[in-house]
Amino acid sequence: MKLKLVVLIKKNYNNQNSFKRQSLCHFMSHVSYDDFAKLDIRVAKIIDTEPIEGKSRIIKGKIDLGNDDQRDVIIGGAQYFQPEDIVGKTVIVLANLEPKKMAGVESNAMLLAADVDDKPFWLTVKEDVPLGSPIK
């Protein structure tokens, strides 16, 4: 089964702040297919969140990648939502990113999102697919 990525963007987002449609090819260099194949991009579900003391832009989250693989992650854009509002959300993550410690929390994956004026719009899948399904 091939999965298509979709970005869920609120329809009422203020158009004057929306990004201009531009090709990203002049911002970033090309990567080889071999380099892309090294990325472990998978479907996950946010199963828990909690604020991080003294931080307003990030929260601690726990994601479920299926097969008893649960990981702590740092989730950005916390100024735009309440931590409990995103529990249960299906997201797309980069699962093999090198762990990074921020604000005393080790993040063991990265949620993929469209970035519009520093506000994240997390990538997801339309269909109900098993957690841990690879994105290719």
Foldseek 3Di string as FASTA:
>chain_A
DAFDKDFDDDPPPDPVQFDDDDDCCVVDPDDDPVVVVPWFKWKKFWAFWDAQPPDQFWTWTWIGQPPPDIFIAIDGRNNVDPRVVRHGPIAMKRQCDDWDDDSNDIHRIGFDADARPNHGGGMHTDDDDHRNHTHD
